[in-house]
Amino acid sequence: MQGEGTGGRPEAIVLAGGFGTRLQSVVSDVPKPMAPVAGRPFLCYLLDSLLRQGYTRAVLATGYLHEKVESYFGTDYHGLALAYARETEPLGTGGAMVNALQHCHSESVTVLNGDTLLLADLRDFQQFYLQQRTPLAVVLRTVEDAGRYGAVDIDADGRITSFHEKDPQHGPGLINGGIYQISRSLLDAYAVGEPFSFEREVLQRRYRDEAFYGYRTEGYFIDIGVPDDYRRAQSELPLL
């Protein structure tokens, strides 16, 4: 299968280098994905979700306080083999992906934001990606306040037709859930070490010409990037 790595298992990149600027009032001594939730780093819950769905290898794209991530997790998390793609200066989400792809073996890879948890059926998502013959598929989630994140529109076939900037007046809608299935070739034009935003430079600039697709899910979703949701995570995540 195109989305699988060596050994017939899917491979993931986790973007785990976030500064956590909006969380500084409650978490200031670790990278955002390492923020403690009910006694465990948030990243544990994300890696647990990968393990449950058959992933056996993940590349953690680290940056800010990378040693905190590497010393906690090492090279194995309950059977999930871990590698690290460390950035020595901020590369943005796109630059972090390109850097991490140097450590991947697959033709296509699942990429996840390290500060959000969305419980989607990733096996089904990979099948969707293959069926659409697209270089990029995005997991989308309906939320009550799409304006907080920026909304995404799709047509009847799931092809992405537009992106909307953050708008407090938007109300309910579909948002980018922070999970992608990408073909390696999608990022061929970018050099290793080149900083860029994946969302701005790839998603929002190229979707009209390259037929990107959105996969809808209603699975549990939380973004710990703001203090209110970080506090909510303390009680909700241990129950998953």
C-alpha atoms as a PDB file:
ATOM      1  CA  MET A   1       0.000   0.000   0.000  1.00  0.00           C
ATOM      2  CA  GLN A   2       1.291   3.409  -0.903  1.00  0.00           C
ATOM      3  CA  GLY A   3       0.626   4.894   2.541  1.00  0.00           C
ATOM      4  CA  GLU A   4       2.616   2.211   4.362  1.00  0.00           C
ATOM      5  CA  GLY A   5       6.212   2.154   5.436  1.00  0.00           C
ATOM      6  CA  THR A   6       8.603  -0.759   5.698  1.00  0.00           C
ATOM      7  CA  GLY A   7       7.069  -3.875   7.170  1.00  0.00           C
ATOM      8  CA  GLY A   8       3.618  -3.079   5.746  1.00  0.00           C
ATOM      9  CA  ARG A   9       2.744  -0.562   8.465  1.00  0.00           C
ATOM     10  CA  PRO A  10       1.741   3.083   8.116  1.00  0.00           C
ATOM     11  CA  GLU A  11       4.296   5.737   9.073  1.00  0.00           C
ATOM     12  CA  ALA A  12       3.660   9.076  10.782  1.00  0.00           C
ATOM     13  CA  ILE A  13       5.297  12.454  11.297  1.00  0.00           C
ATOM     14  CA  VAL A  14       4.301  14.349  14.443  1.00  0.00           C
ATOM     15  CA  LEU A  15       4.996  18.096  14.478  1.00  0.00           C
ATOM     16  CA  ALA A  16       6.249  18.456  18.043  1.00  0.00           C
ATOM     17  CA  GLY A  17       8.314  21.640  17.990  1.00  0.00           C
ATOM     18  CA  GLY A  18       5.702  24.199  19.038  1.00  0.00           C
ATOM     19  CA  PHE A  19       6.591  27.072  21.367  1.00  0.00           C
ATOM     20  CA  GLY A  20       3.189  27.175  23.039  1.00  0.00           C
ATOM     21  CA  THR A  21       3.053  30.978  23.104  1.00  0.00           C
ATOM     22  CA  ARG A  22      -0.615  31.090  24.139  1.00  0.00           C
ATOM     23  CA  LEU A  23       0.037  28.556  26.910  1.00  0.00           C
ATOM     24  CA  GLN A  24       2.893  30.467  28.532  1.00  0.00           C
ATOM     25  CA  SER A  25       0.641  31.485  31.430  1.00  0.00           C
ATOM     26  CA  VAL A  26       0.157  27.833  32.447  1.00  0.00           C
ATOM     27  CA  VAL A  27       3.011  25.893  30.785  1.00  0.00           C
ATOM     28  CA  SER A  28       6.390  27.535  30.218  1.00  0.00           C
ATOM     29  CA  ASP A  29       9.125  24.948  30.739  1.00  0.00           C
ATOM     30  CA  VAL A  30       8.326  22.355  28.034  1.00  0.00           C
ATOM     31  CA  PRO A  31       7.355  22.359  24.339  1.00  0.00           C
ATOM     32  CA  LYS A  32       3.597  22.588  23.842  1.00  0.00           C
ATOM     33  CA  PRO A  33       3.126  18.863  22.934  1.00  0.00           C
ATOM     34  CA  MET A  34       4.829  17.980  26.242  1.00  0.00           C
ATOM     35  CA  ALA A  35       2.366  19.993  28.327  1.00  0.00           C
ATOM     36  CA  PRO A  36       1.227  17.740  31.203  1.00  0.00           C
ATOM     37  CA  VAL A  37      -2.321  16.408  30.987  1.00  0.00           C
ATOM     38  CA  ALA A  38      -3.504  14.383  33.980  1.00  0.00           C
ATOM     39  CA  GLY A  39       0.088  13.493  34.828  1.00  0.00           C
ATOM     40  CA  ARG A  40       1.265  12.569  31.329  1.00  0.00           C
ATOM     41  CA  PRO A  41       2.609  14.654  28.428  1.00  0.00           C
ATOM     42  CA  PHE A  42      -0.129  15.482  25.906  1.00  0.00           C
ATOM     43  CA  LEU A  43       1.997  13.786  23.259  1.00  0.00           C
ATOM     44  CA  CYS A  44       1.426  10.427  24.989  1.00  0.00           C
ATOM     45  CA  TYR A  45      -2.269  10.539  24.120  1.00  0.00           C
ATOM     46  CA  LEU A  46      -1.478  11.242  20.472  1.00  0.00           C
ATOM     47  CA  LEU A  47       1.068   8.416  20.270  1.00  0.00           C
ATOM     48  CA  ASP A  48      -1.395   6.079  22.003  1.00  0.00           C
ATOM     49  CA  SER A  49      -3.904   6.825  19.230  1.00  0.00           C
ATOM     50  CA  LEU A  50      -1.295   5.921  16.588  1.00  0.00           C
ATOM     51  CA  LEU A  51      -0.486   2.651  18.336  1.00  0.00           C
ATOM     52  CA  ARG A  52      -4.159   1.691  18.495  1.00  0.00           C
ATOM     53  CA  GLN A  53      -4.406   2.106  14.724  1.00  0.00           C
ATOM     54  CA  GLY A  54      -1.461  -0.056  13.792  1.00  0.00           C
ATOM     55  CA  TYR A  55       1.362   2.450  13.405  1.00  0.00           C
ATOM     56  CA  THR A  56       4.761   1.035  14.303  1.00  0.00           C
ATOM     57  CA  ARG A  57       7.000   4.028  13.515  1.00  0.00           C
ATOM     58  CA  ALA A  58       6.783   7.794  13.954  1.00  0.00           C
ATOM     59  CA  VAL A  59       9.193  10.648  13.301  1.00  0.00           C
ATOM     60  CA  LEU A  60       8.919  13.445  15.862  1.00  0.00           C
ATOM     61  CA  ALA A  61       9.760  16.839  14.363  1.00  0.00           C
ATOM     62  CA  THR A  62      11.266  18.667  17.322  1.00  0.00           C
ATOM     63  CA  GLY A  63      12.694  22.130  17.843  1.00  0.00           C
ATOM     64  CA  TYR A  64      12.103  24.249  20.926  1.00  0.00           C
ATOM     65  CA  LEU A  65      13.388  22.357  24.005  1.00  0.00           C
ATOM     66  CA  HIS A  66      13.825  19.256  21.852  1.00  0.00           C
ATOM     67  CA  GLU A  67      15.797  17.545  24.608  1.00  0.00           C
ATOM     68  CA  LYS A  68      12.655  17.415  26.780  1.00  0.00           C
ATOM     69  CA  VAL A  69      10.902  15.290  24.138  1.00  0.00           C
ATOM     70  CA  GLU A  70      13.875  13.082  23.331  1.00  0.00           C
ATOM     71  CA  SER A  71      14.830  12.353  26.934  1.00  0.00           C
ATOM     72  CA  TYR A  72      11.245  11.434  27.886  1.00  0.00           C
ATOM     73  CA  PHE A  73      10.388   9.168  24.936  1.00  0.00           C
ATOM     74  CA  GLY A  74      13.732   7.822  23.711  1.00  0.00           C
ATOM     75  CA  THR A  75      13.548   5.610  20.628  1.00  0.00           C
ATOM     76  CA  ASP A  76      10.580   3.424  21.565  1.00  0.00           C
ATOM     77  CA  TYR A  77       7.135   4.126  22.999  1.00  0.00           C
ATOM     78  CA  HIS A  78       5.331   0.873  23.895  1.00  0.00           C
ATOM     79  CA  GLY A  79       6.442  -0.712  20.615  1.00  0.00           C
ATOM     80  CA  LEU A  80       6.135   2.431  18.496  1.00  0.00           C
ATOM     81  CA  ALA A  81       9.620   3.076  17.089  1.00  0.00           C
ATOM     82  CA  LEU A  82      10.562   6.755  17.313  1.00  0.00           C
ATOM     83  CA  ALA A  83      13.022   8.804  15.279  1.00  0.00           C
ATOM     84  CA  TYR A  84      13.728  12.521  15.617  1.00  0.00           C
ATOM     85  CA  ALA A  85      14.044  15.302  13.059  1.00  0.00           C
ATOM     86  CA  ARG A  86      15.451  18.180  15.050  1.00  0.00           C
ATOM     87  CA  GLU A  87      15.385  21.735  13.701  1.00  0.00           C
ATOM     88  CA  THR A  88      18.108  24.093  14.910  1.00  0.00           C
ATOM     89  CA  GLU A  89      16.117  27.172  13.928  1.00  0.00           C
ATOM     90  CA  PRO A  90      12.358  27.611  13.379  1.00  0.00           C
ATOM     91  CA  LEU A  91      11.330  26.120  10.032  1.00  0.00           C
ATOM     92  CA  GLY A  92       7.567  26.582  10.168  1.00  0.00           C
ATOM     93  CA  THR A  93       5.207  23.659   9.656  1.00  0.00           C
ATOM     94  CA  GLY A  94       6.289  23.098   6.049  1.00  0.00           C
ATOM     95  CA  GLY A  95       9.988  23.218   6.745  1.00  0.00           C
ATOM     96  CA  ALA A  96       9.511  20.825   9.655  1.00  0.00           C
ATOM     97  CA  MET A  97       7.702  18.368   7.359  1.00  0.00           C
ATOM     98  CA  VAL A  98      10.473  18.468   4.741  1.00  0.00           C
ATOM     99  CA  ASN A  99      13.078  17.934   7.450  1.00  0.00           C
ATOM    100  CA  ALA A 100      11.148  15.006   8.917  1.00  0.00           C
ATOM    101  CA  LEU A 101      10.614  13.367   5.518  1.00  0.00           C
ATOM    102  CA  GLN A 102      14.367  12.803   5.341  1.00  0.00           C
ATOM    103  CA  HIS A 103      13.849  10.220   8.103  1.00  0.00           C
ATOM    104  CA  CYS A 104      10.822   8.496   6.519  1.00  0.00           C
ATOM    105  CA  HIS A 105      10.731   5.397   4.330  1.00  0.00           C
ATOM    106  CA  SER A 106       7.240   5.643   2.788  1.00  0.00           C
ATOM    107  CA  GLU A 107       5.983   7.136  -0.439  1.00  0.00           C
ATOM    108  CA  SER A 108       3.202   8.772   1.539  1.00  0.00           C
ATOM    109  CA  VAL A 109       3.105   9.661   5.217  1.00  0.00           C
ATOM    110  CA  THR A 110       0.512  10.652   7.803  1.00  0.00           C
ATOM    111  CA  VAL A 111       1.351  14.033   9.353  1.00  0.00           C
ATOM    112  CA  LEU A 112      -0.191  15.152  12.655  1.00  0.00           C
ATOM    113  CA  ASN A 113      -0.027  18.367  14.647  1.00  0.00           C
ATOM    114  CA  GLY A 114       1.491  17.658  18.042  1.00  0.00           C
ATOM    115  CA  ASP A 115      -0.836  19.990  19.962  1.00  0.00           C
ATOM    116  CA  THR A 116      -4.195  18.648  18.747  1.00  0.00           C
ATOM    117  CA  LEU A 117      -5.882  15.290  19.161  1.00  0.00           C
ATOM    118  CA  LEU A 118      -8.495  14.183  16.645  1.00  0.00           C
ATOM    119  CA  LEU A 119      -9.664  10.581  16.890  1.00  0.00           C
ATOM    120  CA  ALA A 120     -10.239   9.739  13.240  1.00  0.00           C
ATOM    121  CA  ASP A 121     -10.171   6.308  11.571  1.00  0.00           C
ATOM    122  CA  LEU A 122      -6.740   6.705  10.000  1.00  0.00           C
ATOM    123  CA  ARG A 123      -6.880   3.416   8.098  1.00  0.00           C
ATOM    124  CA  ASP A 124     -10.066   4.554   6.404  1.00  0.00           C
ATOM    125  CA  PHE A 125      -8.493   7.971   5.842  1.00  0.00           C
ATOM    126  CA  GLN A 126      -5.551   6.350   4.037  1.00  0.00           C
ATOM    127  CA  GLN A 127      -7.934   4.404   1.809  1.00  0.00           C
ATOM    128  CA  PHE A 128      -9.739   7.651   1.016  1.00  0.00           C
ATOM    129  CA  TYR A 129      -6.407   9.260   0.096  1.00  0.00           C
ATOM    130  CA  LEU A 130      -5.540   6.403  -2.268  1.00  0.00           C
ATOM    131  CA  GLN A 131      -8.966   6.350  -3.895  1.00  0.00           C
ATOM    132  CA  GLN A 132      -8.842  10.071  -4.683  1.00  0.00           C
ATOM    133  CA  ARG A 133      -5.413   9.783  -6.359  1.00  0.00           C
ATOM    134  CA  THR A 134      -4.422  13.029  -4.712  1.00  0.00           C
ATOM    135  CA  PRO A 135      -1.067  14.253  -3.391  1.00  0.00           C
ATOM    136  CA  LEU A 136      -2.786  15.557  -0.240  1.00  0.00           C
ATOM    137  CA  ALA A 137      -5.798  14.648   1.868  1.00  0.00           C
ATOM    138  CA  VAL A 138      -6.829  16.499   5.022  1.00  0.00           C
ATOM    139  CA  VAL A 139      -8.967  15.290   7.929  1.00  0.00           C
ATOM    140  CA  LEU A 140     -11.799  17.772   8.496  1.00  0.00           C
ATOM    141  CA  ARG A 141     -13.949  18.152  11.593  1.00  0.00           C
ATOM    142  CA  THR A 142     -17.231  20.032  12.141  1.00  0.00           C
ATOM    143  CA  VAL A 143     -17.044  22.455  15.084  1.00  0.00           C
ATOM    144  CA  GLU A 144     -19.451  24.974  16.550  1.00  0.00           C
ATOM    145  CA  ASP A 145     -16.977  27.850  16.238  1.00  0.00           C
ATOM    146  CA  ALA A 146     -15.161  27.411  12.927  1.00  0.00           C
ATOM    147  CA  GLY A 147     -14.159  31.070  13.026  1.00  0.00           C
ATOM    148  CA  ARG A 148     -11.619  30.348  15.749  1.00  0.00           C
ATOM    149  CA  TYR A 149      -9.641  28.130  13.367  1.00  0.00           C
ATOM    150  CA  GLY A 150     -10.614  29.194   9.844  1.00  0.00           C
ATOM    151  CA  ALA A 151     -13.166  27.183   7.863  1.00  0.00           C
ATOM    152  CA  VAL A 152     -12.774  24.805   4.906  1.00  0.00           C
ATOM    153  CA  ASP A 153     -15.329  24.144   2.141  1.00  0.00           C
ATOM    154  CA  ILE A 154     -15.541  20.948   0.062  1.00  0.00           C
ATOM    155  CA  ASP A 155     -17.704  19.857  -2.877  1.00  0.00           C
ATOM    156  CA  ALA A 156     -19.845  16.707  -3.102  1.00  0.00           C
ATOM    157  CA  ASP A 157     -16.791  14.588  -3.954  1.00  0.00           C
ATOM    158  CA  GLY A 158     -14.770  15.916  -1.042  1.00  0.00           C
ATOM    159  CA  ARG A 159     -12.492  18.146  -3.104  1.00  0.00           C
ATOM    160  CA  ILE A 160     -11.446  21.285  -1.187  1.00  0.00           C
ATOM    161  CA  THR A 161     -12.975  24.352  -2.831  1.00  0.00           C
ATOM    162  CA  SER A 162     -12.054  27.198  -0.478  1.00  0.00           C
ATOM    163  CA  PHE A 163     -10.435  28.288   2.759  1.00  0.00           C
ATOM    164  CA  HIS A 164     -11.736  31.046   5.029  1.00  0.00           C
ATOM    165  CA  GLU A 165      -9.635  33.150   7.347  1.00  0.00           C
ATOM    166  CA  LYS A 166     -10.367  33.165  11.075  1.00  0.00           C
ATOM    167  CA  ASP A 167     -13.613  35.078  11.611  1.00  0.00           C
ATOM    168  CA  PRO A 168     -15.440  35.351  14.962  1.00  0.00           C
ATOM    169  CA  GLN A 169     -18.733  35.735  13.084  1.00  0.00           C
ATOM    170  CA  HIS A 170     -18.437  32.477  11.112  1.00  0.00           C
ATOM    171  CA  GLY A 171     -20.272  30.073  13.440  1.00  0.00           C
ATOM    172  CA  PRO A 172     -20.392  26.276  12.812  1.00  0.00           C
ATOM    173  CA  GLY A 173     -18.411  24.757   9.965  1.00  0.00           C
ATOM    174  CA  LEU A 174     -15.670  22.384   8.853  1.00  0.00           C
ATOM    175  CA  ILE A 175     -12.094  23.013   9.974  1.00  0.00           C
ATOM    176  CA  ASN A 176      -8.707  21.537   9.210  1.00  0.00           C
ATOM    177  CA  GLY A 177      -8.260  18.932  11.952  1.00  0.00           C
ATOM    178  CA  GLY A 178      -4.458  18.948  11.745  1.00  0.00           C
ATOM    179  CA  ILE A 179      -4.019  15.487  10.169  1.00  0.00           C
ATOM    180  CA  TYR A 180      -2.738  15.045   6.599  1.00  0.00           C
ATOM    181  CA  GLN A 181      -1.827  12.213   4.286  1.00  0.00           C
ATOM    182  CA  ILE A 182       0.824  13.560   1.931  1.00  0.00           C
ATOM    183  CA  SER A 183       2.790  12.260  -1.008  1.00  0.00           C
ATOM    184  CA  ARG A 184       6.517  12.902  -0.693  1.00  0.00           C
ATOM    185  CA  SER A 185       6.442  14.520  -4.137  1.00  0.00           C
ATOM    186  CA  LEU A 186       4.132  17.260  -2.830  1.00  0.00           C
ATOM    187  CA  LEU A 187       7.095  18.954  -1.140  1.00  0.00           C
ATOM    188  CA  ASP A 188       9.805  18.227  -3.727  1.00  0.00           C
ATOM    189  CA  ALA A 189      10.175  21.906  -4.608  1.00  0.00           C
ATOM    190  CA  TYR A 190      11.292  22.850  -1.082  1.00  0.00           C
ATOM    191  CA  ALA A 191      14.876  22.501   0.094  1.00  0.00           C
ATOM    192  CA  VAL A 192      15.793  20.926   3.420  1.00  0.00           C
ATOM    193  CA  GLY A 193      16.199  23.743   5.934  1.00  0.00           C
ATOM    194  CA  GLU A 194      13.949  26.160   4.023  1.00  0.00           C
ATOM    195  CA  PRO A 195      11.398  27.733   6.406  1.00  0.00           C
ATOM    196  CA  PHE A 196       7.800  27.948   5.184  1.00  0.00           C
ATOM    197  CA  SER A 197       4.226  27.531   6.334  1.00  0.00           C
ATOM    198  CA  PHE A 198       2.586  24.365   5.014  1.00  0.00           C
ATOM    199  CA  GLU A 199      -0.855  25.881   5.549  1.00  0.00           C
ATOM    200  CA  ARG A 200      -0.176  29.088   3.606  1.00  0.00           C
ATOM    201  CA  GLU A 201       2.314  27.956   0.975  1.00  0.00           C
ATOM    202  CA  VAL A 202       0.861  24.542   0.114  1.00  0.00           C
ATOM    203  CA  LEU A 203      -2.718  24.123   1.321  1.00  0.00           C
ATOM    204  CA  GLN A 204      -4.096  27.583   0.604  1.00  0.00           C
ATOM    205  CA  ARG A 205      -1.956  28.401  -2.429  1.00  0.00           C
ATOM    206  CA  ARG A 206      -2.116  25.155  -4.429  1.00  0.00           C
ATOM    207  CA  TYR A 207      -5.523  23.583  -3.739  1.00  0.00           C
ATOM    208  CA  ARG A 208      -7.170  25.035  -6.859  1.00  0.00           C
ATOM    209  CA  ASP A 209      -4.674  23.443  -9.226  1.00  0.00           C
ATOM    210  CA  GLU A 210      -3.748  20.167  -7.542  1.00  0.00           C
ATOM    211  CA  ALA A 211      -7.085  18.749  -6.313  1.00  0.00           C
ATOM    212  CA  PHE A 212      -6.656  18.352  -2.563  1.00  0.00           C
ATOM    213  CA  TYR A 213      -9.379  16.419  -0.725  1.00  0.00           C
ATOM    214  CA  GLY A 214     -11.023  16.641   2.678  1.00  0.00           C
ATOM    215  CA  TYR A 215     -12.033  13.575   4.704  1.00  0.00           C
ATOM    216  CA  ARG A 216     -14.798  14.258   7.206  1.00  0.00           C
ATOM    217  CA  THR A 217     -14.903  12.819  10.707  1.00  0.00           C
ATOM    218  CA  GLU A 218     -16.875  13.558  13.859  1.00  0.00           C
ATOM    219  CA  GLY A 219     -14.326  11.933  16.171  1.00  0.00           C
ATOM    220  CA  TYR A 220     -13.272  13.488  19.474  1.00  0.00           C
ATOM    221  CA  PHE A 221     -11.252  16.684  18.932  1.00  0.00           C
ATOM    222  CA  ILE A 222      -9.293  18.955  21.240  1.00  0.00           C
ATOM    223  CA  ASP A 223      -6.697  21.661  20.639  1.00  0.00           C
ATOM    224  CA  ILE A 224      -4.621  22.412  23.739  1.00  0.00           C
ATOM    225  CA  GLY A 225      -3.209  25.618  22.251  1.00  0.00           C
ATOM    226  CA  VAL A 226      -5.323  27.889  24.445  1.00  0.00           C
ATOM    227  CA  PRO A 227      -5.583  27.738  28.262  1.00  0.00           C
ATOM    228  CA  ASP A 228      -9.326  26.993  28.429  1.00  0.00           C
ATOM    229  CA  ASP A 229      -9.050  23.890  26.241  1.00  0.00           C
ATOM    230  CA  TYR A 230      -5.845  22.839  27.967  1.00  0.00           C
ATOM    231  CA  ARG A 231      -7.739  22.846  31.266  1.00  0.00           C
ATOM    232  CA  ARG A 232     -10.596  20.886  29.655  1.00  0.00           C
ATOM    233  CA  ALA A 233      -8.120  18.267  28.456  1.00  0.00           C
ATOM    234  CA  GLN A 234      -7.188  17.451  32.063  1.00  0.00           C
ATOM    235  CA  SER A 235     -10.553  15.845  32.711  1.00  0.00           C
ATOM    236  CA  GLU A 236     -11.486  14.586  29.232  1.00  0.00           C
ATOM    237  CA  LEU A 237      -8.381  12.843  27.905  1.00  0.00           C
ATOM    238  CA  PRO A 238      -8.010  10.282  30.709  1.00  0.00           C
ATOM    239  CA  LEU A 239     -11.523   9.036  29.867  1.00  0.00           C
ATOM    240  CA  LEU A 240     -10.772   8.242  26.212  1.00  0.00           C
END
